Structures are given as C-alpha cells and as structure tokens.
Protein backbone atom coordinates (compact mmCIF):
# COMPACT_ATOMS: atom_id res chain seq x y z
CA MET A 1 -41.94 0.01 -21.22
CA ASN A 2 -39.54 -2.50 -22.72
CA ASP A 3 -36.01 -3.16 -21.52
CA TYR A 4 -34.33 -1.34 -24.43
CA LEU A 5 -36.19 1.89 -23.71
CA LYS A 6 -35.52 1.61 -19.97
CA ASN A 7 -31.80 0.98 -20.54
CA GLY A 8 -31.69 3.86 -23.02
CA LEU A 9 -33.24 6.20 -20.46
CA PHE A 10 -30.72 5.10 -17.81
CA LEU A 11 -27.91 5.72 -20.28
CA ALA A 12 -29.23 9.17 -21.15
CA ALA A 13 -29.63 10.04 -17.47
CA GLY A 14 -26.06 8.89 -16.75
CA VAL A 15 -24.68 10.96 -19.62
CA ALA A 16 -26.64 14.01 -18.46
CA ILE A 17 -25.45 13.66 -14.86
CA GLY A 18 -21.88 13.16 -16.03
CA ALA A 19 -22.06 16.24 -18.25
CA LEU A 20 -23.50 18.34 -15.42
CA GLY A 21 -20.75 17.15 -13.10
CA ALA A 22 -18.07 18.00 -15.66
CA VAL A 23 -19.53 21.49 -16.14
CA ALA A 24 -19.75 22.03 -12.37
CA LEU A 25 -16.13 20.97 -11.89
CA GLY A 26 -15.01 23.12 -14.78
CA LYS A 27 -16.66 26.24 -13.40
CA GLY A 28 -15.35 25.66 -9.91
CA LYS A 29 -18.77 25.34 -8.28
CA LEU A 30 -17.83 21.98 -6.84
CA SER A 31 -14.27 22.08 -5.54
CA ILE A 32 -12.69 18.70 -4.89
CA ARG A 33 -9.21 20.14 -4.36
CA PRO A 34 -9.44 20.28 -0.53
CA ALA A 35 -10.75 16.72 -0.41
CA MET A 36 -7.97 15.51 -2.71
CA ALA A 37 -5.32 17.33 -0.64
CA ASP A 38 -6.68 15.72 2.53
CA LEU A 39 -6.75 12.31 0.88
CA LEU A 40 -3.15 12.70 -0.31
CA SER A 41 -1.98 13.82 3.13
CA HIS A 42 -3.53 10.71 4.67
CA GLY A 43 -1.85 8.63 1.99
CA MET A 44 1.51 10.16 2.86
CA ASP A 45 0.92 9.41 6.56
CA LEU A 46 0.14 5.81 5.67
CA LYS A 47 3.29 5.59 3.54
CA GLU A 48 5.44 6.86 6.43
CA LYS A 49 3.88 4.42 8.91
CA THR A 50 4.35 1.55 6.46
CA ALA A 51 7.99 2.52 5.91
CA ALA A 52 8.57 2.55 9.68
CA VAL A 53 7.01 -0.90 10.08
CA LEU A 54 9.10 -2.26 7.21
CA GLU A 55 12.27 -0.76 8.68
CA ARG A 56 11.59 -2.43 12.04
CA ALA A 57 10.94 -5.73 10.27
CA LYS A 58 14.20 -5.40 8.32
CA GLU A 59 16.11 -4.73 11.55
CA ASN A 60 14.53 -7.77 13.20
CA ILE A 61 15.42 -9.97 10.22
CA ASP A 62 18.99 -8.64 10.22
CA ASP A 63 19.28 -9.43 13.95
CA LEU A 64 17.88 -12.92 13.40
CA MET A 65 20.32 -13.56 10.54
CA ALA A 66 23.26 -12.41 12.71
CA GLU A 67 22.15 -14.75 15.52
CA ALA A 68 21.78 -17.63 13.06
CA LYS A 69 25.23 -16.95 11.60
CA HIS A 70 26.74 -16.89 15.09
CA ALA A 71 25.01 -20.17 16.00
CA LYS A 72 26.27 -21.79 12.79
CA GLU A 73 29.84 -20.64 13.43
CA SER A 74 29.64 -21.91 17.01
CA ARG A 75 28.49 -25.33 15.79
CA GLU A 76 31.27 -25.45 13.20
CA ASP A 77 33.90 -24.45 15.74
CA LYS A 78 32.60 -27.09 18.15
CA SER A 79 32.65 -29.81 15.50
CA VAL A 80 36.20 -28.85 14.44
CA ALA A 81 37.34 -28.94 18.07
CA GLU A 82 35.73 -32.36 18.56
CA GLY A 83 37.32 -33.62 15.35
CA GLU A 84 40.78 -32.62 16.54
CA THR A 85 40.44 -34.50 19.82
CA ALA A 86 39.11 -37.65 18.21
C-alpha cells in the first residue's frame, strides 16, 4: 500500500468519524451540554479567584505607592529644613 492510498484512507476515516459525531450531536444521543456547563462554571470560579488575587495585588501596590510618596515628602521636608538652617 503506497502512502497516497494510506493517507486517503485516513482522510476518509476522519471524515466518516466526524460525520457520525455530527449526526450523534444533532440527534441528542451524545449530550455535551452538562459537560460544557460544568466547564463554564469552573471557568467562572477561576475568573473570580483571579479577580480577588488582582484586587489584593492592586491594594498592595496602592499601599506601597502611598508609603513611597510619604517617604519622598519626608525627604523633601528634611532637605528644606536643612537648607533653611544652612
């Protein structure tokens, strides 16, 4: 059997399996709806967990920026006070 015939048979088998799957889905013999609903619910859980992690990270960054701003202002106030006494 040459490669062209073998590849042709694989193609025909793939088309046949795909057609049977489409017919089975169309007639409702193979229901993927519960699996899809479960998959989507897990996706929504993951989205909520990711949003919570991102919110905590945003709060931490906001706190860090406030501390950095306070440190900068303290340095500026100190340098102004030292400049006045000099």
